[in-house]
Amino acid sequence: MFAFKTAVYALTIAGGMFSAFWQLKLRREWIDEVLEKDEGPSDYGILYSLSTKIMRHLRLQESLPAKVRFKLRVLGGLNFLFVVVLCLEVVLLQR
């Protein structure tokens, strides 16, 4: 029984990590590379630089094609689903 529980936990965690790294890879390809191209030092300080970077990130994410946004949302949903499944496994398999 211990081997079964361990295998189930390992598969769930591996699936969650796979989808998380896939989402991170896609986000870096589509968003972060564009943001890093024209980034320079700010005269107004780090908080101003951080807030402008966040705003540009959100605008760029909204301007992505519908298929790309859908894929990122699906991967985010998969990550949430793996967390829920892992919590359910811990509750149910600990009995």
PDB file of N, CA and C in Angstrom:
ATOM      1  N   MET A   1       0.824  -1.193   0.000  1.00  0.00           N
ATOM      2  CA  MET A   1       0.000   0.000   0.000  1.00  0.00           C
ATOM      3  C   MET A   1       0.870   1.258   0.000  1.00  0.00           C
ATOM      4  N   PHE A   2       1.998   1.190   0.712  1.00  0.00           N
ATOM      5  CA  PHE A   2       2.891   2.345   0.754  1.00  0.00           C
ATOM      6  C   PHE A   2       3.437   2.673  -0.636  1.00  0.00           C
ATOM      7  N   ALA A   3       3.773   1.636  -1.394  1.00  0.00           N
ATOM      8  CA  ALA A   3       4.291   1.852  -2.755  1.00  0.00           C
ATOM      9  C   ALA A   3       3.226   2.488  -3.651  1.00  0.00           C
ATOM     10  N   PHE A   4       1.981   2.076  -3.495  1.00  0.00           N
ATOM     11  CA  PHE A   4       0.891   2.656  -4.280  1.00  0.00           C
ATOM     12  C   PHE A   4       0.705   4.137  -3.951  1.00  0.00           C
ATOM     13  N   LYS A   5       0.688   4.456  -2.665  1.00  0.00           N
ATOM     14  CA  LYS A   5       0.531   5.852  -2.249  1.00  0.00           C
ATOM     15  C   LYS A   5       1.691   6.707  -2.764  1.00  0.00           C
ATOM     16  N   THR A   6       2.886   6.185  -2.642  1.00  0.00           N
ATOM     17  CA  THR A   6       4.057   6.918  -3.112  1.00  0.00           C
ATOM     18  C   THR A   6       4.004   7.140  -4.614  1.00  0.00           C
ATOM     19  N   ALA A   7       3.591   6.132  -5.350  1.00  0.00           N
ATOM     20  CA  ALA A   7       3.492   6.257  -6.805  1.00  0.00           C
ATOM     21  C   ALA A   7       2.432   7.281  -7.195  1.00  0.00           C
ATOM     22  N   VAL A   8       1.306   7.265  -6.522  1.00  0.00           N
ATOM     23  CA  VAL A   8       0.242   8.224  -6.829  1.00  0.00           C
ATOM     24  C   VAL A   8       0.703   9.647  -6.530  1.00  0.00           C
ATOM     25  N   TYR A   9       1.321   9.847  -5.375  1.00  0.00           N
ATOM     26  CA  TYR A   9       1.841  11.178  -5.033  1.00  0.00           C
ATOM     27  C   TYR A   9       2.896  11.634  -6.044  1.00  0.00           C
ATOM     28  N   ALA A  10       3.801  10.732  -6.387  1.00  0.00           N
ATOM     29  CA  ALA A  10       4.880  11.087  -7.315  1.00  0.00           C
ATOM     30  C   ALA A  10       4.335  11.444  -8.690  1.00  0.00           C
ATOM     31  N   LEU A  11       3.358  10.691  -9.177  1.00  0.00           N
ATOM     32  CA  LEU A  11       2.767  10.994 -10.484  1.00  0.00           C
ATOM     33  C   LEU A  11       2.033  12.338 -10.472  1.00  0.00           C
ATOM     34  N   THR A  12       1.325  12.614  -9.402  1.00  0.00           N
ATOM     35  CA  THR A  12       0.609  13.887  -9.313  1.00  0.00           C
ATOM     36  C   THR A  12       1.587  15.055  -9.261  1.00  0.00           C
ATOM     37  N   ILE A  13       2.608  14.934  -8.449  1.00  0.00           N
ATOM     38  CA  ILE A  13       3.599  16.009  -8.346  1.00  0.00           C
ATOM     39  C   ILE A  13       4.354  16.168  -9.656  1.00  0.00           C
ATOM     40  N   ALA A  14       4.695  15.066 -10.307  1.00  0.00           N
ATOM     41  CA  ALA A  14       5.403  15.148 -11.590  1.00  0.00           C
ATOM     42  C   ALA A  14       4.523  15.802 -12.659  1.00  0.00           C
ATOM     43  N   GLY A  15       3.250  15.460 -12.692  1.00  0.00           N
ATOM     44  CA  GLY A  15       2.335  16.089 -13.650  1.00  0.00           C
ATOM     45  C   GLY A  15       2.191  17.572 -13.393  1.00  0.00           C
ATOM     46  N   GLY A  16       2.073  17.959 -12.131  1.00  0.00           N
ATOM     47  CA  GLY A  16       1.984  19.373 -11.785  1.00  0.00           C
ATOM     48  C   GLY A  16       3.242  20.143 -12.149  1.00  0.00           C
ATOM     49  N   MET A  17       4.388  19.544 -11.884  1.00  0.00           N
ATOM     50  CA  MET A  17       5.654  20.205 -12.225  1.00  0.00           C
ATOM     51  C   MET A  17       5.813  20.332 -13.735  1.00  0.00           C
ATOM     52  N   PHE A  18       5.424  19.301 -14.479  1.00  0.00           N
ATOM     53  CA  PHE A  18       5.518  19.350 -15.930  1.00  0.00           C
ATOM     54  C   PHE A  18       4.682  20.493 -16.492  1.00  0.00           C
ATOM     55  N   SER A  19       3.419  20.616 -16.030  1.00  0.00           N
ATOM     56  CA  SER A  19       2.570  21.690 -16.555  1.00  0.00           C
ATOM     57  C   SER A  19       3.066  23.058 -16.096  1.00  0.00           C
ATOM     58  N   ALA A  20       3.599  23.149 -14.881  1.00  0.00           N
ATOM     59  CA  ALA A  20       4.116  24.432 -14.394  1.00  0.00           C
ATOM     60  C   ALA A  20       5.335  24.878 -15.192  1.00  0.00           C
ATOM     61  N   PHE A  21       6.255  23.954 -15.464  1.00  0.00           N
ATOM     62  CA  PHE A  21       7.435  24.322 -16.244  1.00  0.00           C
ATOM     63  C   PHE A  21       7.086  24.607 -17.703  1.00  0.00           C
ATOM     64  N   TRP A  22       6.078  23.913 -18.228  1.00  0.00           N
ATOM     65  CA  TRP A  22       5.624  24.190 -19.587  1.00  0.00           C
ATOM     66  C   TRP A  22       5.029  25.592 -19.663  1.00  0.00           C
ATOM     67  N   GLN A  23       4.223  25.963 -18.670  1.00  0.00           N
ATOM     68  CA  GLN A  23       3.642  27.303 -18.629  1.00  0.00           C
ATOM     69  C   GLN A  23       4.741  28.354 -18.478  1.00  0.00           C
ATOM     70  N   LEU A  24       5.721  28.101 -17.647  1.00  0.00           N
ATOM     71  CA  LEU A  24       6.828  29.032 -17.454  1.00  0.00           C
ATOM     72  C   LEU A  24       7.618  29.212 -18.744  1.00  0.00           C
ATOM     73  N   LYS A  25       7.855  28.127 -19.456  1.00  0.00           N
ATOM     74  CA  LYS A  25       8.577  28.190 -20.723  1.00  0.00           C
ATOM     75  C   LYS A  25       7.821  29.020 -21.742  1.00  0.00           C
ATOM     76  N   LEU A  26       6.517  28.780 -21.872  1.00  0.00           N
ATOM     77  CA  LEU A  26       5.711  29.536 -22.830  1.00  0.00           C
ATOM     78  C   LEU A  26       5.635  31.009 -22.450  1.00  0.00           C
ATOM     79  N   ARG A  27       5.494  31.281 -21.162  1.00  0.00           N
ATOM     80  CA  ARG A  27       5.423  32.673 -20.717  1.00  0.00           C
ATOM     81  C   ARG A  27       6.737  33.396 -20.993  1.00  0.00           C
ATOM     82  N   ARG A  28       7.854  32.708 -20.799  1.00  0.00           N
ATOM     83  CA  ARG A  28       9.149  33.327 -21.105  1.00  0.00           C
ATOM     84  C   ARG A  28       9.298  33.585 -22.589  1.00  0.00           C
ATOM     85  N   GLU A  29       8.838  32.652 -23.412  1.00  0.00           N
ATOM     86  CA  GLU A  29       8.953  32.831 -24.859  1.00  0.00           C
ATOM     87  C   GLU A  29       8.110  34.001 -25.349  1.00  0.00           C
ATOM     88  N   TRP A  30       6.890  34.099 -24.863  1.00  0.00           N
ATOM     89  CA  TRP A  30       5.945  35.069 -25.424  1.00  0.00           C
ATOM     90  C   TRP A  30       5.962  36.425 -24.755  1.00  0.00           C
ATOM     91  N   ILE A  31       6.329  36.482 -23.491  1.00  0.00           N
ATOM     92  CA  ILE A  31       6.197  37.752 -22.770  1.00  0.00           C
ATOM     93  C   ILE A  31       7.542  38.292 -22.304  1.00  0.00           C
ATOM     94  N   ASP A  32       8.294  37.496 -21.577  1.00  0.00           N
ATOM     95  CA  ASP A  32       9.493  38.006 -20.924  1.00  0.00           C
ATOM     96  C   ASP A  32      10.581  38.423 -21.900  1.00  0.00           C
ATOM     97  N   GLU A  33      10.717  37.713 -23.021  1.00  0.00           N
ATOM     98  CA  GLU A  33      11.744  38.085 -23.990  1.00  0.00           C
ATOM     99  C   GLU A  33      11.464  39.460 -24.594  1.00  0.00           C
ATOM    100  N   VAL A  34      10.211  39.772 -24.818  1.00  0.00           N
ATOM    101  CA  VAL A  34       9.847  41.079 -25.372  1.00  0.00           C
ATOM    102  C   VAL A  34      10.126  42.178 -24.360  1.00  0.00           C
ATOM    103  N   LEU A  35       9.860  41.909 -23.094  1.00  0.00           N
ATOM    104  CA  LEU A  35      10.073  42.915 -22.054  1.00  0.00           C
ATOM    105  C   LEU A  35      11.556  43.190 -21.811  1.00  0.00           C
ATOM    106  N   GLU A  36      12.406  42.198 -21.983  1.00  0.00           N
ATOM    107  CA  GLU A  36      13.824  42.367 -21.686  1.00  0.00           C
ATOM    108  C   GLU A  36      14.585  43.088 -22.788  1.00  0.00           C
ATOM    109  N   LYS A  37      14.001  43.222 -23.955  1.00  0.00           N
ATOM    110  CA  LYS A  37      14.727  43.821 -25.074  1.00  0.00           C
ATOM    111  C   LYS A  37      15.087  45.284 -24.824  1.00  0.00           C
ATOM    112  N   ASP A  38      14.131  46.061 -24.344  1.00  0.00           N
ATOM    113  CA  ASP A  38      14.386  47.494 -24.201  1.00  0.00           C
ATOM    114  C   ASP A  38      14.329  47.916 -22.739  1.00  0.00           C
ATOM    115  N   GLU A  39      15.006  47.183 -21.887  1.00  0.00           N
ATOM    116  CA  GLU A  39      15.016  47.509 -20.471  1.00  0.00           C
ATOM    117  C   GLU A  39      16.324  48.197 -20.102  1.00  0.00           C
ATOM    118  N   GLY A  40      16.206  49.336 -19.480  1.00  0.00           N
ATOM    119  CA  GLY A  40      17.377  50.070 -19.052  1.00  0.00           C
ATOM    120  C   GLY A  40      17.204  50.550 -17.626  1.00  0.00           C
ATOM    121  N   PRO A  41      18.232  51.171 -17.059  1.00  0.00           N
ATOM    122  CA  PRO A  41      18.113  51.648 -15.684  1.00  0.00           C
ATOM    123  C   PRO A  41      17.142  52.824 -15.596  1.00  0.00           C
ATOM    124  N   SER A  42      16.456  52.922 -14.470  1.00  0.00           N
ATOM    125  CA  SER A  42      15.473  53.971 -14.259  1.00  0.00           C
ATOM    126  C   SER A  42      16.072  55.077 -13.391  1.00  0.00           C
ATOM    127  N   ASP A  43      15.717  56.318 -13.712  1.00  0.00           N
ATOM    128  CA  ASP A  43      16.162  57.453 -12.909  1.00  0.00           C
ATOM    129  C   ASP A  43      15.267  57.675 -11.694  1.00  0.00           C
ATOM    130  N   TYR A  44      14.115  57.016 -11.657  1.00  0.00           N
ATOM    131  CA  TYR A  44      13.130  57.266 -10.609  1.00  0.00           C
ATOM    132  C   TYR A  44      13.180  56.257  -9.464  1.00  0.00           C
ATOM    133  N   GLY A  45      13.980  55.237  -9.541  1.00  0.00           N
ATOM    134  CA  GLY A  45      14.098  54.265  -8.461  1.00  0.00           C
ATOM    135  C   GLY A  45      13.523  52.913  -8.824  1.00  0.00           C
ATOM    136  N   ILE A  46      13.738  51.993  -7.905  1.00  0.00           N
ATOM    137  CA  ILE A  46      13.368  50.607  -8.193  1.00  0.00           C
ATOM    138  C   ILE A  46      11.862  50.385  -8.163  1.00  0.00           C
ATOM    139  N   LEU A  47      11.128  51.078  -7.310  1.00  0.00           N
ATOM    140  CA  LEU A  47       9.683  50.882  -7.245  1.00  0.00           C
ATOM    141  C   LEU A  47       9.003  51.372  -8.519  1.00  0.00           C
ATOM    142  N   TYR A  48       9.458  52.479  -9.055  1.00  0.00           N
ATOM    143  CA  TYR A  48       8.909  52.985 -10.302  1.00  0.00           C
ATOM    144  C   TYR A  48       9.218  52.014 -11.438  1.00  0.00           C
ATOM    145  N   SER A  49      10.420  51.508 -11.457  1.00  0.00           N
ATOM    146  CA  SER A  49      10.821  50.550 -12.483  1.00  0.00           C
ATOM    147  C   SER A  49      10.008  49.268 -12.382  1.00  0.00           C
ATOM    148  N   LEU A  50       9.787  48.796 -11.164  1.00  0.00           N
ATOM    149  CA  LEU A  50       9.007  47.581 -10.964  1.00  0.00           C
ATOM    150  C   LEU A  50       7.556  47.775 -11.386  1.00  0.00           C
ATOM    151  N   SER A  51       6.958  48.900 -11.020  1.00  0.00           N
ATOM    152  CA  SER A  51       5.560  49.132 -11.383  1.00  0.00           C
ATOM    153  C   SER A  51       5.389  49.280 -12.889  1.00  0.00           C
ATOM    154  N   THR A  52       6.319  49.953 -13.556  1.00  0.00           N
ATOM    155  CA  THR A  52       6.202  50.066 -15.016  1.00  0.00           C
ATOM    156  C   THR A  52       6.409  48.718 -15.687  1.00  0.00           C
ATOM    157  N   LYS A  53       7.291  47.891 -15.136  1.00  0.00           N
ATOM    158  CA  LYS A  53       7.504  46.566 -15.710  1.00  0.00           C
ATOM    159  C   LYS A  53       6.256  45.701 -15.551  1.00  0.00           C
ATOM    160  N   ILE A  54       5.611  45.782 -14.414  1.00  0.00           N
ATOM    161  CA  ILE A  54       4.383  45.014 -14.195  1.00  0.00           C
ATOM    162  C   ILE A  54       3.280  45.481 -15.137  1.00  0.00           C
ATOM    163  N   MET A  55       3.138  46.788 -15.294  1.00  0.00           N
ATOM    164  CA  MET A  55       2.103  47.318 -16.196  1.00  0.00           C
ATOM    165  C   MET A  55       2.379  46.905 -17.639  1.00  0.00           C
ATOM    166  N   ARG A  56       3.627  46.959 -18.075  1.00  0.00           N
ATOM    167  CA  ARG A  56       3.959  46.528 -19.433  1.00  0.00           C
ATOM    168  C   ARG A  56       3.698  45.042 -19.603  1.00  0.00           C
ATOM    169  N   HIS A  57       3.992  44.257 -18.574  1.00  0.00           N
ATOM    170  CA  HIS A  57       3.756  42.815 -18.617  1.00  0.00           C
ATOM    171  C   HIS A  57       2.259  42.543 -18.787  1.00  0.00           C
ATOM    172  N   LEU A  58       1.416  43.232 -18.034  1.00  0.00           N
ATOM    173  CA  LEU A  58      -0.026  43.030 -18.139  1.00  0.00           C
ATOM    174  C   LEU A  58      -0.560  43.465 -19.501  1.00  0.00           C
ATOM    175  N   ARG A  59      -0.078  44.603 -19.991  1.00  0.00           N
ATOM    176  CA  ARG A  59      -0.522  45.061 -21.316  1.00  0.00           C
ATOM    177  C   ARG A  59      -0.101  44.083 -22.411  1.00  0.00           C
ATOM    178  N   LEU A  60       1.104  43.587 -22.320  1.00  0.00           N
ATOM    179  CA  LEU A  60       1.592  42.643 -23.316  1.00  0.00           C
ATOM    180  C   LEU A  60       0.811  41.333 -23.247  1.00  0.00           C
ATOM    181  N   GLN A  61       0.492  40.903 -22.041  1.00  0.00           N
ATOM    182  CA  GLN A  61      -0.273  39.673 -21.886  1.00  0.00           C
ATOM    183  C   GLN A  61      -1.683  39.828 -22.464  1.00  0.00           C
ATOM    184  N   GLU A  62      -2.286  40.997 -22.311  1.00  0.00           N
ATOM    185  CA  GLU A  62      -3.610  41.245 -22.875  1.00  0.00           C
ATOM    186  C   GLU A  62      -3.574  41.354 -24.390  1.00  0.00           C
ATOM    187  N   SER A  63      -2.444  41.744 -24.950  1.00  0.00           N
ATOM    188  CA  SER A  63      -2.356  41.919 -26.397  1.00  0.00           C
ATOM    189  C   SER A  63      -1.971  40.637 -27.135  1.00  0.00           C
ATOM    190  N   LEU A  64      -1.751  39.556 -26.408  1.00  0.00           N
ATOM    191  CA  LEU A  64      -1.427  38.287 -27.049  1.00  0.00           C
ATOM    192  C   LEU A  64      -2.630  37.768 -27.827  1.00  0.00           C
ATOM    193  N   PRO A  65      -2.399  36.963 -28.845  1.00  0.00           N
ATOM    194  CA  PRO A  65      -3.523  36.371 -29.585  1.00  0.00           C
ATOM    195  C   PRO A  65      -4.389  35.500 -28.678  1.00  0.00           C
ATOM    196  N   ALA A  66      -5.621  35.303 -29.088  1.00  0.00           N
ATOM    197  CA  ALA A  66      -6.584  34.570 -28.263  1.00  0.00           C
ATOM    198  C   ALA A  66      -6.136  33.130 -27.996  1.00  0.00           C
ATOM    199  N   LYS A  67      -5.539  32.489 -28.988  1.00  0.00           N
ATOM    200  CA  LYS A  67      -5.096  31.106 -28.803  1.00  0.00           C
ATOM    201  C   LYS A  67      -3.996  31.005 -27.754  1.00  0.00           C
ATOM    202  N   VAL A  68      -3.109  31.971 -27.752  1.00  0.00           N
ATOM    203  CA  VAL A  68      -2.002  31.970 -26.790  1.00  0.00           C
ATOM    204  C   VAL A  68      -2.541  32.199 -25.387  1.00  0.00           C
ATOM    205  N   ARG A  69      -3.436  33.171 -25.227  1.00  0.00           N
ATOM    206  CA  ARG A  69      -4.021  33.426 -23.905  1.00  0.00           C
ATOM    207  C   ARG A  69      -4.798  32.213 -23.416  1.00  0.00           C
ATOM    208  N   PHE A  70      -5.514  31.551 -24.326  1.00  0.00           N
ATOM    209  CA  PHE A  70      -6.268  30.360 -23.956  1.00  0.00           C
ATOM    210  C   PHE A  70      -5.330  29.260 -23.471  1.00  0.00           C
ATOM    211  N   LYS A  71      -4.208  29.079 -24.162  1.00  0.00           N
ATOM    212  CA  LYS A  71      -3.254  28.048 -23.769  1.00  0.00           C
ATOM    213  C   LYS A  71      -2.663  28.354 -22.391  1.00  0.00           C
ATOM    214  N   LEU A  72      -2.344  29.616 -22.135  1.00  0.00           N
ATOM    215  CA  LEU A  72      -1.808  29.977 -20.820  1.00  0.00           C
ATOM    216  C   LEU A  72      -2.855  29.770 -19.723  1.00  0.00           C
ATOM    217  N   ARG A  73      -4.125  30.075 -20.027  1.00  0.00           N
ATOM    218  CA  ARG A  73      -5.183  29.860 -19.038  1.00  0.00           C
ATOM    219  C   ARG A  73      -5.396  28.376 -18.772  1.00  0.00           C
ATOM    220  N   VAL A  74      -5.334  27.561 -19.820  1.00  0.00           N
ATOM    221  CA  VAL A  74      -5.495  26.119 -19.638  1.00  0.00           C
ATOM    222  C   VAL A  74      -4.372  25.571 -18.774  1.00  0.00           C
ATOM    223  N   LEU A  75      -3.150  25.998 -19.022  1.00  0.00           N
ATOM    224  CA  LEU A  75      -2.026  25.525 -18.214  1.00  0.00           C
ATOM    225  C   LEU A  75      -2.141  26.001 -16.774  1.00  0.00           C
ATOM    226  N   GLY A  76      -2.615  27.223 -16.569  1.00  0.00           N
ATOM    227  CA  GLY A  76      -2.851  27.698 -15.206  1.00  0.00           C
ATOM    228  C   GLY A  76      -3.931  26.888 -14.512  1.00  0.00           C
ATOM    229  N   GLY A  77      -4.974  26.537 -15.246  1.00  0.00           N
ATOM    230  CA  GLY A  77      -6.022  25.690 -14.698  1.00  0.00           C
ATOM    231  C   GLY A  77      -5.522  24.297 -14.359  1.00  0.00           C
ATOM    232  N   LEU A  78      -4.634  23.766 -15.210  1.00  0.00           N
ATOM    233  CA  LEU A  78      -4.042  22.458 -14.918  1.00  0.00           C
ATOM    234  C   LEU A  78      -3.214  22.499 -13.638  1.00  0.00           C
ATOM    235  N   ASN A  79      -2.474  23.572 -13.449  1.00  0.00           N
ATOM    236  CA  ASN A  79      -1.681  23.701 -12.219  1.00  0.00           C
ATOM    237  C   ASN A  79      -2.600  23.710 -10.996  1.00  0.00           C
ATOM    238  N   PHE A  80      -3.690  24.452 -11.076  1.00  0.00           N
ATOM    239  CA  PHE A  80      -4.652  24.499  -9.975  1.00  0.00           C
ATOM    240  C   PHE A  80      -5.268  23.120  -9.762  1.00  0.00           C
ATOM    241  N   LEU A  81      -5.588  22.423 -10.847  1.00  0.00           N
ATOM    242  CA  LEU A  81      -6.185  21.095 -10.746  1.00  0.00           C
ATOM    243  C   LEU A  81      -5.230  20.111 -10.072  1.00  0.00           C
ATOM    244  N   PHE A  82      -3.950  20.173 -10.401  1.00  0.00           N
ATOM    245  CA  PHE A  82      -2.985  19.276  -9.767  1.00  0.00           C
ATOM    246  C   PHE A  82      -2.864  19.561  -8.274  1.00  0.00           C
ATOM    247  N   VAL A  83      -2.952  20.812  -7.867  1.00  0.00           N
ATOM    248  CA  VAL A  83      -2.900  21.136  -6.438  1.00  0.00           C
ATOM    249  C   VAL A  83      -4.129  20.571  -5.730  1.00  0.00           C
ATOM    250  N   VAL A  84      -5.302  20.720  -6.342  1.00  0.00           N
ATOM    251  CA  VAL A  84      -6.526  20.188  -5.740  1.00  0.00           C
ATOM    252  C   VAL A  84      -6.465  18.669  -5.653  1.00  0.00           C
ATOM    253  N   VAL A  85      -6.011  18.030  -6.719  1.00  0.00           N
ATOM    254  CA  VAL A  85      -5.911  16.563  -6.715  1.00  0.00           C
ATOM    255  C   VAL A  85      -4.924  16.100  -5.646  1.00  0.00           C
ATOM    256  N   LEU A  86      -3.804  16.790  -5.511  1.00  0.00           N
ATOM    257  CA  LEU A  86      -2.833  16.408  -4.489  1.00  0.00           C
ATOM    258  C   LEU A  86      -3.424  16.549  -3.086  1.00  0.00           C
ATOM    259  N   CYS A  87      -4.159  17.612  -2.844  1.00  0.00           N
ATOM    260  CA  CYS A  87      -4.807  17.787  -1.532  1.00  0.00           C
ATOM    261  C   CYS A  87      -5.822  16.677  -1.271  1.00  0.00           C
ATOM    262  N   LEU A  88      -6.605  16.340  -2.290  1.00  0.00           N
ATOM    263  CA  LEU A  88      -7.567  15.248  -2.128  1.00  0.00           C
ATOM    264  C   LEU A  88      -6.867  13.913  -1.875  1.00  0.00           C
ATOM    265  N   GLU A  89      -5.774  13.676  -2.565  1.00  0.00           N
ATOM    266  CA  GLU A  89      -5.024  12.440  -2.347  1.00  0.00           C
ATOM    267  C   GLU A  89      -4.496  12.355  -0.925  1.00  0.00           C
ATOM    268  N   VAL A  90      -3.978  13.459  -0.436  1.00  0.00           N
ATOM    269  CA  VAL A  90      -3.448  13.448   0.934  1.00  0.00           C
ATOM    270  C   VAL A  90      -4.568  13.153   1.925  1.00  0.00           C
ATOM    271  N   VAL A  91      -5.725  13.761   1.721  1.00  0.00           N
ATOM    272  CA  VAL A  91      -6.843  13.533   2.653  1.00  0.00           C
ATOM    273  C   VAL A  91      -7.356  12.099   2.544  1.00  0.00           C
ATOM    274  N   LEU A  92      -7.545  11.615   1.321  1.00  0.00           N
ATOM    275  CA  LEU A  92      -8.158  10.298   1.139  1.00  0.00           C
ATOM    276  C   LEU A  92      -7.190   9.147   1.378  1.00  0.00           C
ATOM    277  N   LEU A  93      -5.945   9.292   0.986  1.00  0.00           N
ATOM    278  CA  LEU A  93      -5.010   8.176   1.122  1.00  0.00           C
ATOM    279  C   LEU A  93      -4.369   8.084   2.500  1.00  0.00           C
ATOM    280  N   GLN A  94      -4.586   9.042   3.356  1.00  0.00           N
ATOM    281  CA  GLN A  94      -4.013   8.965   4.699  1.00  0.00           C
ATOM    282  C   GLN A  94      -4.881   8.142   5.642  1.00  0.00           C
ATOM    283  N   ARG A  95      -6.029   7.733   5.177  1.00  0.00           N
ATOM    284  CA  ARG A  95      -6.922   6.938   6.033  1.00  0.00           C
ATOM    285  C   ARG A  95      -6.493   5.515   6.135  1.00  0.00           C
TER     286      ARG A  95
END
